[in-house]
Amino acid sequence: MPTERYKIRRFQESYIDSFMSYRNNEQKFIQVLASALSDNLASNNLLKKVDFKFSIFDSMNNENIYSIDLI
């Protein structure tokens, strides 16, 4: 039986996959707010793991924004 942590991780990966598919048709790059996922530190680590690069810090909203260029 999957643990709660595993379920959360799968949800986060699924969220990023679906978001990337949607944005792929709109732009030549994707930007994601780290807070789009529930745990900010885990979000930062997950985004880096799937090759997103830190892009900018939005000081107004206290958010890290990550981006990835599409081929």
Protein backbone atom coordinates (compact mmCIF):
# COMPACT_ATOMS: atom_id res chain seq x y z
CA MET A 1 0.00 0.00 0.00
CA PRO A 2 1.50 3.36 -1.01
CA THR A 3 2.54 5.69 1.78
CA GLU A 4 1.15 9.22 2.06
CA ARG A 5 4.53 10.64 1.08
CA TYR A 6 4.57 8.49 -2.07
CA LYS A 7 1.04 9.64 -2.98
CA ILE A 8 2.02 13.29 -2.56
CA ARG A 9 5.15 12.82 -4.67
CA ARG A 10 3.17 11.12 -7.46
CA PHE A 11 0.59 13.93 -7.34
CA GLN A 12 3.31 16.55 -7.64
CA GLU A 13 4.97 14.77 -10.57
CA SER A 14 1.60 14.37 -12.25
CA TYR A 15 0.82 18.05 -11.71
CA ILE A 16 4.07 19.11 -13.36
CA ASP A 17 3.56 16.68 -16.27
CA SER A 18 0.07 17.97 -16.99
CA PHE A 19 1.14 21.58 -16.57
CA MET A 20 4.03 21.08 -18.98
CA SER A 21 1.76 19.47 -21.57
CA TYR A 22 -0.64 22.39 -21.36
CA ARG A 23 2.02 25.07 -21.57
CA ASN A 24 3.97 23.26 -24.29
CA ASN A 25 1.40 24.39 -26.84
CA GLU A 26 1.43 28.01 -25.70
CA GLN A 27 5.06 29.14 -25.40
CA LYS A 28 8.65 28.17 -26.07
CA PHE A 29 9.36 28.09 -22.34
CA ILE A 30 7.56 27.22 -19.14
CA GLN A 31 7.59 29.12 -15.87
CA VAL A 32 6.39 27.61 -12.61
CA LEU A 33 5.95 29.17 -9.19
CA ALA A 34 7.53 26.96 -6.58
CA SER A 35 4.43 27.41 -4.43
CA ALA A 36 2.31 25.74 -7.11
CA LEU A 37 3.16 22.61 -5.16
CA SER A 38 2.27 22.19 -1.51
CA ASP A 39 5.71 22.11 0.17
CA ASN A 40 7.98 24.93 -1.03
CA LEU A 41 11.32 23.19 -0.29
CA ALA A 42 10.13 19.94 -1.84
CA SER A 43 8.80 21.94 -4.78
CA ASN A 44 12.16 23.62 -5.35
CA ASN A 45 13.95 20.26 -5.24
CA LEU A 46 11.44 18.57 -7.53
CA LEU A 47 11.59 21.37 -10.10
CA LYS A 48 15.39 21.18 -10.15
CA LYS A 49 15.23 17.41 -10.54
CA VAL A 50 13.15 17.72 -13.72
CA ASP A 51 15.60 20.27 -15.18
CA PHE A 52 13.83 23.50 -14.30
CA LYS A 53 16.31 26.29 -13.58
CA PHE A 54 15.86 29.06 -11.06
CA SER A 55 14.73 32.07 -13.07
CA ILE A 56 13.79 34.91 -10.76
CA PHE A 57 12.67 35.68 -7.22
CA ASP A 58 9.34 37.50 -7.12
CA SER A 59 9.84 39.63 -4.02
CA MET A 60 6.31 41.00 -4.18
CA ASN A 61 4.85 37.54 -3.59
CA ASN A 62 7.94 36.03 -1.92
CA GLU A 63 8.08 33.31 -4.60
CA ASN A 64 10.83 31.47 -6.44
CA ILE A 65 10.05 31.20 -10.14
CA TYR A 66 11.62 28.39 -12.15
CA SER A 67 11.70 28.07 -15.92
CA ILE A 68 12.62 25.54 -18.57
CA ASP A 69 13.20 26.10 -22.28
CA LEU A 70 11.35 23.84 -24.65
CA ILE A 71 13.12 22.37 -27.64
